[in-house]
Amino acid sequence: MNLNNTLLRSILFVPGSEQKHLDKAVGIPADALVFDLEDAVAPSEKLAARGAVVQAITSSKFTGRQLIVRVNGIASGWFEDDMEAISKTNNCSIMLPKCESPQDVLRVKEFSETSGNNIFALIETAMGVLAVKEIANALSEFDALCFGHVDFAADIGLTDADASRGGIHHARCQVALAARAYNLSAIDNVCVDVKNAKQVRHDAQQGMDLGYTGKLCIHPNQVGIVNEVYTPTQEQLVKANAILAAWDEAQAEGQGVFSFENKMVDLPVIQSQQRIVQRYELALKQDGGE
């Protein structure tokens, strides 16, 4: 998966132990699906879930979809078997939960070196946040950093997992900054309020304002909202194209800086407008537009 040429706006978790959810996932318009072998699967169901997920990611019904498997953590006792089974398929990415060091990334690479699986490093602990710069440096430009705020809140002893304030918000910012500094996809935490569309939208908008490029989802009804928030609007596209056209005229006249709607425009502004156009075009392509 070349993440530089792919929008990962919505990344939906699908329980690996629930065949009905695996079947239903085919028709959900998430940019990527995460088949979960970790939190969503009881210990007694781990083996069966692994088999079901391997069958799903190798089946023709998911051809062309961006697939990710969240394996069990390195210290869980299931990690090696998960990686052995998943890395052989050569057609999905690996999400590593509770990633806390560059060495954790290297453990995944030991299994996925020949298969070329992308790595989604999920930062969920205080240790992971403290090491996030080194973790980001160990990843490749085709990988991603993700933030898991619920586990992080538990790890630092909080009873309220509100990602918009306090220590969680600080960690959320750190993960986004590290991802952008190392040119990685930055994937924001889930919104646990699955039936509150207003809260999902607010949470997604806040994540985008922090520098995230996409968001983890835990229910299909969150996908459309998240996709919309992380897609430039038609109005933004029109304005971006107007600014870029004015920039071309200014360049032809030898100007490096000019004014547009009474605001200064220089190279950083132009780069921002170019990203808007690029994201809009990628979204149009992924969503089946022309």
C-alpha atoms as a PDB file:
ATOM      1  CA  MET A   1       0.000   0.000   0.000  1.00  0.00           C
ATOM      2  CA  ASN A   2       1.555   3.300  -1.105  1.00  0.00           C
ATOM      3  CA  LEU A   3       0.183   5.690   1.486  1.00  0.00           C
ATOM      4  CA  ASN A   4       1.570   8.687  -0.403  1.00  0.00           C
ATOM      5  CA  ASN A   5      -0.942   8.087  -3.207  1.00  0.00           C
ATOM      6  CA  THR A   6      -3.841   6.972  -1.030  1.00  0.00           C
ATOM      7  CA  LEU A   7      -6.237   8.849   1.217  1.00  0.00           C
ATOM      8  CA  LEU A   8      -6.762   7.146   4.545  1.00  0.00           C
ATOM      9  CA  ARG A   9      -9.570   9.280   5.922  1.00  0.00           C
ATOM     10  CA  SER A  10     -11.621   6.569   7.613  1.00  0.00           C
ATOM     11  CA  ILE A  11     -10.070   3.392   9.006  1.00  0.00           C
ATOM     12  CA  LEU A  12     -12.757   1.056  10.356  1.00  0.00           C
ATOM     13  CA  PHE A  13     -12.148  -1.660  12.954  1.00  0.00           C
ATOM     14  CA  VAL A  14     -13.839  -4.989  12.173  1.00  0.00           C
ATOM     15  CA  PRO A  15     -13.858  -7.757  14.842  1.00  0.00           C
ATOM     16  CA  GLY A  16     -11.931 -10.730  13.495  1.00  0.00           C
ATOM     17  CA  SER A  17     -14.004 -13.215  15.464  1.00  0.00           C
ATOM     18  CA  GLU A  18     -17.355 -12.130  14.022  1.00  0.00           C
ATOM     19  CA  GLN A  19     -17.963 -13.628  10.576  1.00  0.00           C
ATOM     20  CA  LYS A  20     -21.076 -11.507  10.071  1.00  0.00           C
ATOM     21  CA  HIS A  21     -19.025  -8.332  10.564  1.00  0.00           C
ATOM     22  CA  LEU A  22     -16.324  -9.571   8.191  1.00  0.00           C
ATOM     23  CA  ASP A  23     -18.993 -10.229   5.557  1.00  0.00           C
ATOM     24  CA  LYS A  24     -20.710  -6.881   6.130  1.00  0.00           C
ATOM     25  CA  ALA A  25     -17.417  -4.977   5.824  1.00  0.00           C
ATOM     26  CA  VAL A  26     -17.335  -5.631   2.071  1.00  0.00           C
ATOM     27  CA  GLY A  27     -19.962  -2.954   1.448  1.00  0.00           C
ATOM     28  CA  ILE A  28     -18.759  -0.299   3.891  1.00  0.00           C
ATOM     29  CA  PRO A  29     -17.067   2.670   2.134  1.00  0.00           C
ATOM     30  CA  ALA A  30     -14.197   3.069   4.602  1.00  0.00           C
ATOM     31  CA  ASP A  31     -10.859   3.937   3.015  1.00  0.00           C
ATOM     32  CA  ALA A  32      -9.306   1.051   4.957  1.00  0.00           C
ATOM     33  CA  LEU A  33     -10.544  -1.859   7.048  1.00  0.00           C
ATOM     34  CA  VAL A  34      -8.756  -3.084  10.184  1.00  0.00           C
ATOM     35  CA  PHE A  35      -9.472  -6.734  10.898  1.00  0.00           C
ATOM     36  CA  ASP A  36      -8.926  -6.893  14.645  1.00  0.00           C
ATOM     37  CA  LEU A  37      -7.260  -9.851  16.353  1.00  0.00           C
ATOM     38  CA  GLU A  38      -6.538  -7.970  19.580  1.00  0.00           C
ATOM     39  CA  ASP A  39      -9.064  -6.167  21.816  1.00  0.00           C
ATOM     40  CA  ALA A  40     -12.169  -7.311  19.936  1.00  0.00           C
ATOM     41  CA  VAL A  41     -11.340 -11.019  20.292  1.00  0.00           C
ATOM     42  CA  ALA A  42     -11.651 -13.095  23.467  1.00  0.00           C
ATOM     43  CA  PRO A  43      -8.644 -15.309  24.332  1.00  0.00           C
ATOM     44  CA  SER A  44     -10.654 -18.449  23.596  1.00  0.00           C
ATOM     45  CA  GLU A  45     -11.421 -17.167  20.082  1.00  0.00           C
ATOM     46  CA  LYS A  46      -7.921 -16.027  19.041  1.00  0.00           C
ATOM     47  CA  LEU A  47      -7.063 -19.065  16.917  1.00  0.00           C
ATOM     48  CA  ALA A  48     -10.401 -19.140  15.093  1.00  0.00           C
ATOM     49  CA  ALA A  49     -10.299 -15.388  14.499  1.00  0.00           C
ATOM     50  CA  ARG A  50      -6.818 -15.626  12.993  1.00  0.00           C
ATOM     51  CA  GLY A  51      -8.021 -18.239  10.536  1.00  0.00           C
ATOM     52  CA  ALA A  52     -11.110 -16.221   9.627  1.00  0.00           C
ATOM     53  CA  VAL A  53      -9.058 -13.082   9.015  1.00  0.00           C
ATOM     54  CA  VAL A  54      -6.506 -14.897   6.848  1.00  0.00           C
ATOM     55  CA  GLN A  55      -9.378 -16.310   4.813  1.00  0.00           C
ATOM     56  CA  ALA A  56     -10.950 -12.849   4.475  1.00  0.00           C
ATOM     57  CA  ILE A  57      -7.828 -11.005   3.336  1.00  0.00           C
ATOM     58  CA  THR A  58      -7.013 -13.677   0.756  1.00  0.00           C
ATOM     59  CA  SER A  59     -10.539 -13.844  -0.655  1.00  0.00           C
ATOM     60  CA  SER A  60     -11.542 -12.153  -3.890  1.00  0.00           C
ATOM     61  CA  LYS A  61     -14.342 -10.177  -2.234  1.00  0.00           C
ATOM     62  CA  PHE A  62     -11.826  -7.740  -0.734  1.00  0.00           C
ATOM     63  CA  THR A  63      -9.789  -7.313  -3.921  1.00  0.00           C
ATOM     64  CA  GLY A  64      -8.776  -3.686  -4.328  1.00  0.00           C
ATOM     65  CA  ARG A  65      -9.539  -2.743  -0.714  1.00  0.00           C
ATOM     66  CA  GLN A  66      -6.963  -1.323   1.676  1.00  0.00           C
ATOM     67  CA  LEU A  67      -6.716  -3.967   4.404  1.00  0.00           C
ATOM     68  CA  ILE A  68      -4.955  -3.831   7.766  1.00  0.00           C
ATOM     69  CA  VAL A  69      -4.727  -6.493  10.465  1.00  0.00           C
ATOM     70  CA  ARG A  70      -4.305  -5.466  14.082  1.00  0.00           C
ATOM     71  CA  VAL A  71      -2.243  -8.294  15.504  1.00  0.00           C
ATOM     72  CA  ASN A  72      -1.914  -9.055  19.189  1.00  0.00           C
ATOM     73  CA  GLY A  73       0.795  -7.203  21.092  1.00  0.00           C
ATOM     74  CA  ILE A  74       4.391  -8.379  21.174  1.00  0.00           C
ATOM     75  CA  ALA A  75       4.161  -9.559  24.795  1.00  0.00           C
ATOM     76  CA  SER A  76       0.753 -11.220  24.399  1.00  0.00           C
ATOM     77  CA  GLY A  77       1.873 -14.731  23.484  1.00  0.00           C
ATOM     78  CA  TRP A  78      -0.090 -14.599  20.211  1.00  0.00           C
ATOM     79  CA  PHE A  79       2.063 -12.089  18.337  1.00  0.00           C
ATOM     80  CA  GLU A  80       4.458 -14.503  16.612  1.00  0.00           C
ATOM     81  CA  ASP A  81       1.709 -16.803  15.359  1.00  0.00           C
ATOM     82  CA  ASP A  82      -0.330 -13.822  14.161  1.00  0.00           C
ATOM     83  CA  MET A  83       2.628 -12.423  12.253  1.00  0.00           C
ATOM     84  CA  GLU A  84       3.575 -15.787  10.757  1.00  0.00           C
ATOM     85  CA  ALA A  85       0.061 -16.244   9.404  1.00  0.00           C
ATOM     86  CA  ILE A  86      -0.599 -12.683   8.233  1.00  0.00           C
ATOM     87  CA  SER A  87       2.781 -11.873   6.688  1.00  0.00           C
ATOM     88  CA  LYS A  88       2.468 -14.875   4.361  1.00  0.00           C
ATOM     89  CA  THR A  89      -0.572 -13.326   2.665  1.00  0.00           C
ATOM     90  CA  ASN A  90       1.414 -10.365   1.300  1.00  0.00           C
ATOM     91  CA  ASN A  91      -1.681  -8.223   0.726  1.00  0.00           C
ATOM     92  CA  CYS A  92      -2.358  -6.264   3.888  1.00  0.00           C
ATOM     93  CA  SER A  93      -0.753  -3.884   6.361  1.00  0.00           C
ATOM     94  CA  ILE A  94       0.057  -4.659   9.999  1.00  0.00           C
ATOM     95  CA  MET A  95      -1.211  -2.589  12.925  1.00  0.00           C
ATOM     96  CA  LEU A  96       0.946  -3.076  16.014  1.00  0.00           C
ATOM     97  CA  PRO A  97      -0.869  -2.242  19.268  1.00  0.00           C
ATOM     98  CA  LYS A  98       0.904  -0.600  22.194  1.00  0.00           C
ATOM     99  CA  CYS A  99       4.027   0.180  20.189  1.00  0.00           C
ATOM    100  CA  GLU A 100       6.566   1.557  22.662  1.00  0.00           C
ATOM    101  CA  SER A 101       9.969   1.573  20.968  1.00  0.00           C
ATOM    102  CA  PRO A 102      11.836   1.356  17.652  1.00  0.00           C
ATOM    103  CA  GLN A 103      12.670  -2.217  18.630  1.00  0.00           C
ATOM    104  CA  ASP A 104       8.952  -3.031  18.510  1.00  0.00           C
ATOM    105  CA  VAL A 105       8.855  -1.775  14.917  1.00  0.00           C
ATOM    106  CA  LEU A 106      11.876  -3.924  14.077  1.00  0.00           C
ATOM    107  CA  ARG A 107      10.111  -7.000  15.489  1.00  0.00           C
ATOM    108  CA  VAL A 108       7.307  -6.483  12.977  1.00  0.00           C
ATOM    109  CA  LYS A 109       9.817  -5.930  10.182  1.00  0.00           C
ATOM    110  CA  GLU A 110      11.474  -9.253  10.987  1.00  0.00           C
ATOM    111  CA  PHE A 111       8.295 -10.970   9.827  1.00  0.00           C
ATOM    112  CA  SER A 112       7.195  -8.570   7.092  1.00  0.00           C
ATOM    113  CA  GLU A 113      10.585  -7.861   5.501  1.00  0.00           C
ATOM    114  CA  THR A 114       9.969 -10.084   2.482  1.00  0.00           C
ATOM    115  CA  SER A 115       6.225  -9.470   2.185  1.00  0.00           C
ATOM    116  CA  GLY A 116       6.515  -5.689   2.315  1.00  0.00           C
ATOM    117  CA  ASN A 117       3.642  -5.117   4.746  1.00  0.00           C
ATOM    118  CA  ASN A 118       3.144  -1.492   5.729  1.00  0.00           C
ATOM    119  CA  ILE A 119       3.226  -0.852   9.474  1.00  0.00           C
ATOM    120  CA  PHE A 120       0.634   1.119  11.444  1.00  0.00           C
ATOM    121  CA  ALA A 121       2.263   1.789  14.812  1.00  0.00           C
ATOM    122  CA  LEU A 122      -0.460   2.350  17.406  1.00  0.00           C
ATOM    123  CA  ILE A 123       0.698   4.609  20.253  1.00  0.00           C
ATOM    124  CA  GLU A 124      -1.357   3.795  23.362  1.00  0.00           C
ATOM    125  CA  THR A 125       0.929   4.167  26.379  1.00  0.00           C
ATOM    126  CA  ALA A 126       3.003   6.794  28.146  1.00  0.00           C
ATOM    127  CA  MET A 127       6.150   4.936  27.094  1.00  0.00           C
ATOM    128  CA  GLY A 128       5.000   4.997  23.483  1.00  0.00           C
ATOM    129  CA  VAL A 129       4.358   8.743  23.561  1.00  0.00           C
ATOM    130  CA  LEU A 130       7.773   9.405  25.109  1.00  0.00           C
ATOM    131  CA  ALA A 131       9.418   7.351  22.346  1.00  0.00           C
ATOM    132  CA  VAL A 132       7.185   8.503  19.478  1.00  0.00           C
ATOM    133  CA  LYS A 133       9.949  10.421  17.691  1.00  0.00           C
ATOM    134  CA  GLU A 134      12.230   7.358  17.662  1.00  0.00           C
ATOM    135  CA  ILE A 135       9.321   5.124  16.607  1.00  0.00           C
ATOM    136  CA  ALA A 136       8.497   7.466  13.729  1.00  0.00           C
ATOM    137  CA  ASN A 137      12.128   7.449  12.645  1.00  0.00           C
ATOM    138  CA  ALA A 138      12.095   3.630  12.527  1.00  0.00           C
ATOM    139  CA  LEU A 139       9.107   3.592  10.179  1.00  0.00           C
ATOM    140  CA  SER A 140       9.215   4.111   6.412  1.00  0.00           C
ATOM    141  CA  GLU A 141       7.465   6.831   4.424  1.00  0.00           C
ATOM    142  CA  PHE A 142       4.777   4.302   3.504  1.00  0.00           C
ATOM    143  CA  ASP A 143       3.873   3.599   7.146  1.00  0.00           C
ATOM    144  CA  ALA A 144       1.608   5.348   9.652  1.00  0.00           C
ATOM    145  CA  LEU A 145       1.448   6.512  13.254  1.00  0.00           C
ATOM    146  CA  CYS A 146      -1.874   6.079  15.072  1.00  0.00           C
ATOM    147  CA  PHE A 147      -3.053   7.276  18.481  1.00  0.00           C
ATOM    148  CA  GLY A 148      -5.179   5.185  20.837  1.00  0.00           C
ATOM    149  CA  HIS A 149      -6.547   7.461  23.528  1.00  0.00           C
ATOM    150  CA  VAL A 150      -8.619   4.993  25.573  1.00  0.00           C
ATOM    151  CA  ASP A 151      -5.691   2.711  26.409  1.00  0.00           C
ATOM    152  CA  PHE A 152      -3.480   5.761  26.897  1.00  0.00           C
ATOM    153  CA  ALA A 153      -5.921   7.207  29.442  1.00  0.00           C
ATOM    154  CA  ALA A 154      -5.920   3.929  31.367  1.00  0.00           C
ATOM    155  CA  ASP A 155      -2.131   3.737  31.226  1.00  0.00           C
ATOM    156  CA  ILE A 156      -1.672   7.138  32.867  1.00  0.00           C
ATOM    157  CA  GLY A 157      -4.395   6.526  35.460  1.00  0.00           C
ATOM    158  CA  LEU A 158      -7.228   8.666  34.095  1.00  0.00           C
ATOM    159  CA  THR A 159     -10.887   7.754  34.534  1.00  0.00           C
ATOM    160  CA  ASP A 160     -12.139  10.145  31.839  1.00  0.00           C
ATOM    161  CA  ALA A 161     -10.816   9.442  28.335  1.00  0.00           C
ATOM    162  CA  ASP A 162     -11.553  12.888  26.873  1.00  0.00           C
ATOM    163  CA  ALA A 163      -9.129  13.350  23.965  1.00  0.00           C
ATOM    164  CA  SER A 164      -9.855  17.075  23.697  1.00  0.00           C
ATOM    165  CA  ARG A 165      -8.114  18.166  26.885  1.00  0.00           C
ATOM    166  CA  GLY A 166      -5.447  17.488  29.479  1.00  0.00           C
ATOM    167  CA  GLY A 167      -2.741  14.868  29.177  1.00  0.00           C
ATOM    168  CA  ILE A 168      -4.563  12.948  26.449  1.00  0.00           C
ATOM    169  CA  HIS A 169      -4.777  16.033  24.253  1.00  0.00           C
ATOM    170  CA  HIS A 170      -1.065  16.679  24.773  1.00  0.00           C
ATOM    171  CA  ALA A 171      -0.200  13.109  23.729  1.00  0.00           C
ATOM    172  CA  ARG A 172      -2.571  13.355  20.775  1.00  0.00           C
ATOM    173  CA  CYS A 173      -0.664  16.422  19.585  1.00  0.00           C
ATOM    174  CA  GLN A 174       2.704  14.705  20.038  1.00  0.00           C
ATOM    175  CA  VAL A 175       1.725  11.738  17.874  1.00  0.00           C
ATOM    176  CA  ALA A 176       0.423  13.973  15.085  1.00  0.00           C
ATOM    177  CA  LEU A 177       3.553  16.141  15.128  1.00  0.00           C
ATOM    178  CA  ALA A 178       5.877  13.131  15.012  1.00  0.00           C
ATOM    179  CA  ALA A 179       3.977  11.651  12.077  1.00  0.00           C
ATOM    180  CA  ARG A 180       4.065  14.863  10.078  1.00  0.00           C
ATOM    181  CA  ALA A 181       7.730  15.517  10.923  1.00  0.00           C
ATOM    182  CA  TYR A 182       8.674  12.132   9.444  1.00  0.00           C
ATOM    183  CA  ASN A 183       6.240  12.307   6.496  1.00  0.00           C
ATOM    184  CA  LEU A 184       3.997   9.514   7.775  1.00  0.00           C
ATOM    185  CA  SER A 185       0.233   9.159   7.665  1.00  0.00           C
ATOM    186  CA  ALA A 186      -1.206  10.415  10.964  1.00  0.00           C
ATOM    187  CA  ILE A 187      -4.272   8.490  12.141  1.00  0.00           C
ATOM    188  CA  ASP A 188      -6.345   9.963  14.981  1.00  0.00           C
ATOM    189  CA  ASN A 189      -8.036   8.132  17.859  1.00  0.00           C
ATOM    190  CA  VAL A 190     -11.537   6.655  17.757  1.00  0.00           C
ATOM    191  CA  CYS A 191     -14.653   8.480  18.904  1.00  0.00           C
ATOM    192  CA  VAL A 192     -16.323   6.164  21.410  1.00  0.00           C
ATOM    193  CA  ASP A 193     -19.695   7.954  21.183  1.00  0.00           C
ATOM    194  CA  VAL A 194     -20.905   5.867  18.251  1.00  0.00           C
ATOM    195  CA  LYS A 195     -24.479   7.210  18.095  1.00  0.00           C
ATOM    196  CA  ASN A 196     -23.653  10.914  18.392  1.00  0.00           C
ATOM    197  CA  ALA A 197     -23.005  12.153  14.847  1.00  0.00           C
ATOM    198  CA  LYS A 198     -22.346  15.688  16.069  1.00  0.00           C
ATOM    199  CA  GLN A 199     -19.617  14.472  18.427  1.00  0.00           C
ATOM    200  CA  VAL A 200     -18.028  12.295  15.733  1.00  0.00           C
ATOM    201  CA  ARG A 201     -17.881  15.299  13.401  1.00  0.00           C
ATOM    202  CA  HIS A 202     -16.463  17.564  16.112  1.00  0.00           C
ATOM    203  CA  ASP A 203     -13.848  14.987  17.086  1.00  0.00           C
ATOM    204  CA  ALA A 204     -12.812  14.436  13.459  1.00  0.00           C
ATOM    205  CA  GLN A 205     -12.548  18.171  12.810  1.00  0.00           C
ATOM    206  CA  GLN A 206     -10.413  18.636  15.907  1.00  0.00           C
ATOM    207  CA  GLY A 207      -8.101  15.832  14.800  1.00  0.00           C
ATOM    208  CA  MET A 208      -7.694  17.383  11.369  1.00  0.00           C
ATOM    209  CA  ASP A 209      -6.901  20.729  13.007  1.00  0.00           C
ATOM    210  CA  LEU A 210      -4.126  18.985  14.973  1.00  0.00           C
ATOM    211  CA  GLY A 211      -2.538  17.700  11.764  1.00  0.00           C
ATOM    212  CA  TYR A 212      -4.045  14.229  11.484  1.00  0.00           C
ATOM    213  CA  THR A 213      -4.757  12.897   8.002  1.00  0.00           C
ATOM    214  CA  GLY A 214      -7.404  10.338   8.967  1.00  0.00           C
ATOM    215  CA  LYS A 215      -9.317   8.770  11.834  1.00  0.00           C
ATOM    216  CA  LEU A 216      -9.941   5.365  13.357  1.00  0.00           C
ATOM    217  CA  CYS A 217     -13.625   4.357  13.387  1.00  0.00           C
ATOM    218  CA  ILE A 218     -15.431   1.761  15.492  1.00  0.00           C
ATOM    219  CA  HIS A 219     -18.860   1.801  13.811  1.00  0.00           C
ATOM    220  CA  PRO A 220     -19.937   1.944  10.161  1.00  0.00           C
ATOM    221  CA  ASN A 221     -22.099   5.012  10.816  1.00  0.00           C
ATOM    222  CA  GLN A 222     -18.955   7.020  11.606  1.00  0.00           C
ATOM    223  CA  VAL A 223     -17.335   6.369   8.229  1.00  0.00           C
ATOM    224  CA  GLY A 224     -19.316   8.788   6.070  1.00  0.00           C
ATOM    225  CA  ILE A 225     -18.922  11.631   8.563  1.00  0.00           C
ATOM    226  CA  VAL A 226     -15.171  11.123   8.867  1.00  0.00           C
ATOM    227  CA  ASN A 227     -14.747  10.887   5.095  1.00  0.00           C
ATOM    228  CA  GLU A 228     -16.625  14.157   4.687  1.00  0.00           C
ATOM    229  CA  VAL A 229     -14.573  16.010   7.300  1.00  0.00           C
ATOM    230  CA  TYR A 230     -11.270  14.845   5.822  1.00  0.00           C
ATOM    231  CA  THR A 231     -12.287  15.697   2.240  1.00  0.00           C
ATOM    232  CA  PRO A 232     -11.879  19.293   0.986  1.00  0.00           C
ATOM    233  CA  THR A 233     -15.178  20.931   0.091  1.00  0.00           C
ATOM    234  CA  GLN A 234     -16.097  22.189  -3.367  1.00  0.00           C
ATOM    235  CA  GLU A 235     -15.783  25.723  -2.002  1.00  0.00           C
ATOM    236  CA  GLN A 236     -12.250  25.024  -0.774  1.00  0.00           C
ATOM    237  CA  LEU A 237     -11.346  23.554  -4.160  1.00  0.00           C
ATOM    238  CA  VAL A 238     -12.625  26.596  -6.077  1.00  0.00           C
ATOM    239  CA  LYS A 239     -10.713  28.963  -3.816  1.00  0.00           C
ATOM    240  CA  ALA A 240      -7.535  26.867  -4.004  1.00  0.00           C
ATOM    241  CA  ASN A 241      -7.635  26.851  -7.804  1.00  0.00           C
ATOM    242  CA  ALA A 242      -8.204  30.613  -7.861  1.00  0.00           C
ATOM    243  CA  ILE A 243      -5.197  31.200  -5.600  1.00  0.00           C
ATOM    244  CA  LEU A 244      -3.027  28.885  -7.697  1.00  0.00           C
ATOM    245  CA  ALA A 245      -4.067  30.699 -10.885  1.00  0.00           C
ATOM    246  CA  ALA A 246      -3.238  34.046  -9.276  1.00  0.00           C
ATOM    247  CA  TRP A 247       0.115  32.603  -8.192  1.00  0.00           C
ATOM    248  CA  ASP A 248       0.939  31.654 -11.776  1.00  0.00           C
ATOM    249  CA  GLU A 249       0.192  35.217 -12.862  1.00  0.00           C
ATOM    250  CA  ALA A 250       2.307  36.650 -10.045  1.00  0.00           C
ATOM    251  CA  GLN A 251       5.205  34.365 -10.935  1.00  0.00           C
ATOM    252  CA  ALA A 252       5.017  35.456 -14.572  1.00  0.00           C
ATOM    253  CA  GLU A 253       5.351  39.042 -13.367  1.00  0.00           C
ATOM    254  CA  GLY A 254       8.329  38.179 -11.157  1.00  0.00           C
ATOM    255  CA  GLN A 255       6.446  38.419  -7.844  1.00  0.00           C
ATOM    256  CA  GLY A 256       7.183  35.990  -5.026  1.00  0.00           C
ATOM    257  CA  VAL A 257       4.448  37.355  -2.760  1.00  0.00           C
ATOM    258  CA  PHE A 258       1.047  38.768  -3.653  1.00  0.00           C
ATOM    259  CA  SER A 259      -2.326  39.585  -2.121  1.00  0.00           C
ATOM    260  CA  PHE A 260      -5.506  37.532  -2.569  1.00  0.00           C
ATOM    261  CA  GLU A 261      -8.742  38.739  -0.980  1.00  0.00           C
ATOM    262  CA  ASN A 262      -6.678  41.146   1.126  1.00  0.00           C
ATOM    263  CA  LYS A 263      -4.476  38.377   2.528  1.00  0.00           C
ATOM    264  CA  MET A 264      -0.806  37.760   1.840  1.00  0.00           C
ATOM    265  CA  VAL A 265       0.028  34.716  -0.270  1.00  0.00           C
ATOM    266  CA  ASP A 266       3.527  33.224  -0.392  1.00  0.00           C
ATOM    267  CA  LEU A 267       5.018  29.798  -1.050  1.00  0.00           C
ATOM    268  CA  PRO A 268       3.757  28.057   2.152  1.00  0.00           C
ATOM    269  CA  VAL A 269       0.213  29.183   1.322  1.00  0.00           C
ATOM    270  CA  ILE A 270       0.609  27.863  -2.221  1.00  0.00           C
ATOM    271  CA  GLN A 271       1.804  24.493  -0.945  1.00  0.00           C
ATOM    272  CA  SER A 272      -1.259  24.311   1.304  1.00  0.00           C
ATOM    273  CA  GLN A 273      -3.571  25.033  -1.641  1.00  0.00           C
ATOM    274  CA  GLN A 274      -1.829  22.398  -3.748  1.00  0.00           C
ATOM    275  CA  ARG A 275      -2.490  19.842  -1.000  1.00  0.00           C
ATOM    276  CA  ILE A 276      -6.179  20.782  -1.022  1.00  0.00           C
ATOM    277  CA  VAL A 277      -6.401  20.133  -4.760  1.00  0.00           C
ATOM    278  CA  GLN A 278      -4.475  16.867  -4.443  1.00  0.00           C
ATOM    279  CA  ARG A 279      -6.665  15.576  -1.582  1.00  0.00           C
ATOM    280  CA  TYR A 280      -9.835  16.545  -3.436  1.00  0.00           C
ATOM    281  CA  GLU A 281      -8.746  14.689  -6.568  1.00  0.00           C
ATOM    282  CA  LEU A 282      -7.711  11.595  -4.603  1.00  0.00           C
ATOM    283  CA  ALA A 283     -11.025  11.610  -2.730  1.00  0.00           C
ATOM    284  CA  LEU A 284     -12.950  11.934  -5.982  1.00  0.00           C
ATOM    285  CA  LYS A 285     -11.079   8.970  -7.427  1.00  0.00           C
ATOM    286  CA  GLN A 286     -11.493   6.787  -4.333  1.00  0.00           C
ATOM    287  CA  ASP A 287     -15.175   7.638  -3.949  1.00  0.00           C
ATOM    288  CA  GLY A 288     -15.898   6.592  -7.524  1.00  0.00           C
ATOM    289  CA  GLY A 289     -16.063  10.042  -9.121  1.00  0.00           C
ATOM    290  CA  GLU A 290     -14.631  10.979 -12.481  1.00  0.00           C
END
